[in-house]
């Protein structure tokens, strides 16, 4: 019974870590997109 409980605990912890990683990656992609948008706006002829 104890090994099964440890396995579920480990999977739960791994799941939480994965969510934080995906969230952080999403924020990075969003920031990159904003930077590209600003650069494109600056490059537009007036």
N, C-alpha and C. Protein backbone atom coordinates (compact mmCIF):
# COMPACT_ATOMS: atom_id res chain seq x y z
N UNK A 1 0.83 -1.20 0.00
CA UNK A 1 0.00 0.00 0.00
C UNK A 1 0.87 1.26 0.00
N UNK A 2 1.97 1.25 0.74
CA UNK A 2 2.83 2.42 0.84
C UNK A 2 3.47 2.80 -0.49
N UNK A 3 3.97 1.85 -1.28
CA UNK A 3 4.57 2.22 -2.57
C UNK A 3 3.56 2.89 -3.51
N UNK A 4 2.32 2.45 -3.46
CA UNK A 4 1.30 3.04 -4.32
C UNK A 4 1.04 4.49 -3.91
N UNK A 5 0.98 4.74 -2.62
CA UNK A 5 0.76 6.09 -2.12
C UNK A 5 1.93 7.00 -2.51
N UNK A 6 3.14 6.48 -2.42
CA UNK A 6 4.31 7.26 -2.82
C UNK A 6 4.30 7.56 -4.32
N UNK A 7 3.85 6.59 -5.10
CA UNK A 7 3.77 6.78 -6.54
C UNK A 7 2.77 7.89 -6.87
N UNK A 8 1.60 7.86 -6.24
CA UNK A 8 0.60 8.91 -6.49
C UNK A 8 1.10 10.27 -6.03
N UNK A 9 1.80 10.31 -4.93
CA UNK A 9 2.35 11.57 -4.43
C UNK A 9 3.39 12.12 -5.42
N UNK A 10 4.22 11.25 -5.93
CA UNK A 10 5.23 11.67 -6.90
C UNK A 10 4.59 12.17 -8.19
N UNK A 11 3.56 11.49 -8.66
CA UNK A 11 2.87 11.92 -9.87
C UNK A 11 2.16 13.26 -9.66
N UNK A 12 1.59 13.45 -8.48
CA UNK A 12 0.93 14.71 -8.16
C UNK A 12 1.94 15.86 -8.16
N UNK A 13 3.08 15.65 -7.53
CA UNK A 13 4.12 16.68 -7.48
C UNK A 13 4.64 16.98 -8.88
N UNK A 14 4.81 15.95 -9.69
CA UNK A 14 5.27 16.14 -11.07
C UNK A 14 4.24 16.92 -11.88
N UNK A 15 2.98 16.64 -11.65
CA UNK A 15 1.90 17.36 -12.35
C UNK A 15 1.91 18.84 -12.00
N UNK A 16 2.11 19.16 -10.74
CA UNK A 16 2.15 20.55 -10.31
C UNK A 16 3.34 21.27 -10.93
N UNK A 17 4.46 20.61 -10.98
CA UNK A 17 5.65 21.19 -11.57
C UNK A 17 5.44 21.43 -13.06
N UNK A 18 4.80 20.51 -13.73
CA UNK A 18 4.52 20.64 -15.16
C UNK A 18 3.62 21.83 -15.44
N UNK A 19 2.61 22.04 -14.59
CA UNK A 19 1.71 23.19 -14.79
C UNK A 19 2.47 24.49 -14.67
N UNK A 20 3.34 24.59 -13.68
CA UNK A 20 4.11 25.81 -13.51
C UNK A 20 5.04 26.04 -14.69
N UNK A 21 5.60 24.97 -15.22
CA UNK A 21 6.51 25.09 -16.35
C UNK A 21 5.77 25.57 -17.59
N UNK A 22 4.60 25.01 -17.85
CA UNK A 22 3.81 25.41 -19.02
C UNK A 22 3.35 26.85 -18.87
N UNK A 23 2.96 27.23 -17.68
CA UNK A 23 2.54 28.62 -17.45
C UNK A 23 3.70 29.58 -17.70
N UNK A 24 4.87 29.23 -17.22
CA UNK A 24 6.05 30.07 -17.43
C UNK A 24 6.41 30.16 -18.91
N UNK A 25 6.29 29.06 -19.61
CA UNK A 25 6.59 29.07 -21.04
C UNK A 25 5.59 29.94 -21.78
N UNK A 26 4.34 29.90 -21.37
CA UNK A 26 3.32 30.74 -21.99
C UNK A 26 3.62 32.22 -21.80
N UNK A 27 4.07 32.57 -20.61
CA UNK A 27 4.42 33.97 -20.34
C UNK A 27 5.61 34.40 -21.18
N UNK A 28 6.59 33.51 -21.35
CA UNK A 28 7.76 33.82 -22.17
C UNK A 28 7.37 34.05 -23.63
N UNK A 29 6.48 33.19 -24.15
CA UNK A 29 6.04 33.33 -25.54
C UNK A 29 5.27 34.64 -25.71
N UNK A 30 4.45 34.97 -24.73
CA UNK A 30 3.68 36.21 -24.78
C UNK A 30 4.61 37.42 -24.80
N UNK A 31 5.61 37.41 -23.95
CA UNK A 31 6.57 38.52 -23.89
C UNK A 31 7.36 38.63 -25.20
N UNK A 32 7.72 37.50 -25.77
CA UNK A 32 8.45 37.50 -27.05
C UNK A 32 7.58 38.09 -28.16
N UNK A 33 6.31 37.71 -28.17
CA UNK A 33 5.39 38.24 -29.17
C UNK A 33 5.23 39.74 -29.05
N UNK A 34 5.16 40.23 -27.82
CA UNK A 34 5.03 41.68 -27.60
C UNK A 34 6.28 42.41 -28.08
N UNK A 35 7.45 41.84 -27.84
CA UNK A 35 8.70 42.46 -28.28
C UNK A 35 8.77 42.49 -29.81
N UNK A 36 8.35 41.44 -30.46
CA UNK A 36 8.35 41.40 -31.92
C UNK A 36 7.37 42.43 -32.47
N UNK A 37 6.22 42.56 -31.82
CA UNK A 37 5.23 43.53 -32.26
C UNK A 37 5.78 44.96 -32.15
N UNK A 38 6.46 45.26 -31.06
CA UNK A 38 7.05 46.59 -30.88
C UNK A 38 8.10 46.86 -31.95
N UNK A 39 8.92 45.87 -32.22
CA UNK A 39 9.98 46.03 -33.23
C UNK A 39 9.35 46.26 -34.61
N UNK A 40 8.27 45.54 -34.90
CA UNK A 40 7.61 45.71 -36.19
C UNK A 40 6.99 47.10 -36.31
N UNK A 41 6.42 47.59 -35.21
CA UNK A 41 5.84 48.93 -35.21
C UNK A 41 6.91 50.00 -35.45
N UNK A 42 8.07 49.81 -34.87
CA UNK A 42 9.16 50.78 -35.04
C UNK A 42 9.69 50.75 -36.48
N UNK A 43 9.65 49.60 -37.13
CA UNK A 43 10.19 49.45 -38.48
C UNK A 43 9.24 49.95 -39.56
N UNK A 44 7.98 50.19 -39.22
CA UNK A 44 7.01 50.66 -40.20
C UNK A 44 7.36 52.07 -40.66
N UNK A 45 7.24 52.31 -41.95
CA UNK A 45 7.48 53.68 -42.43
C UNK A 45 6.30 54.58 -42.00
N UNK A 46 6.60 55.79 -41.67
CA UNK A 46 5.54 56.71 -41.23
C UNK A 46 4.86 57.34 -42.37
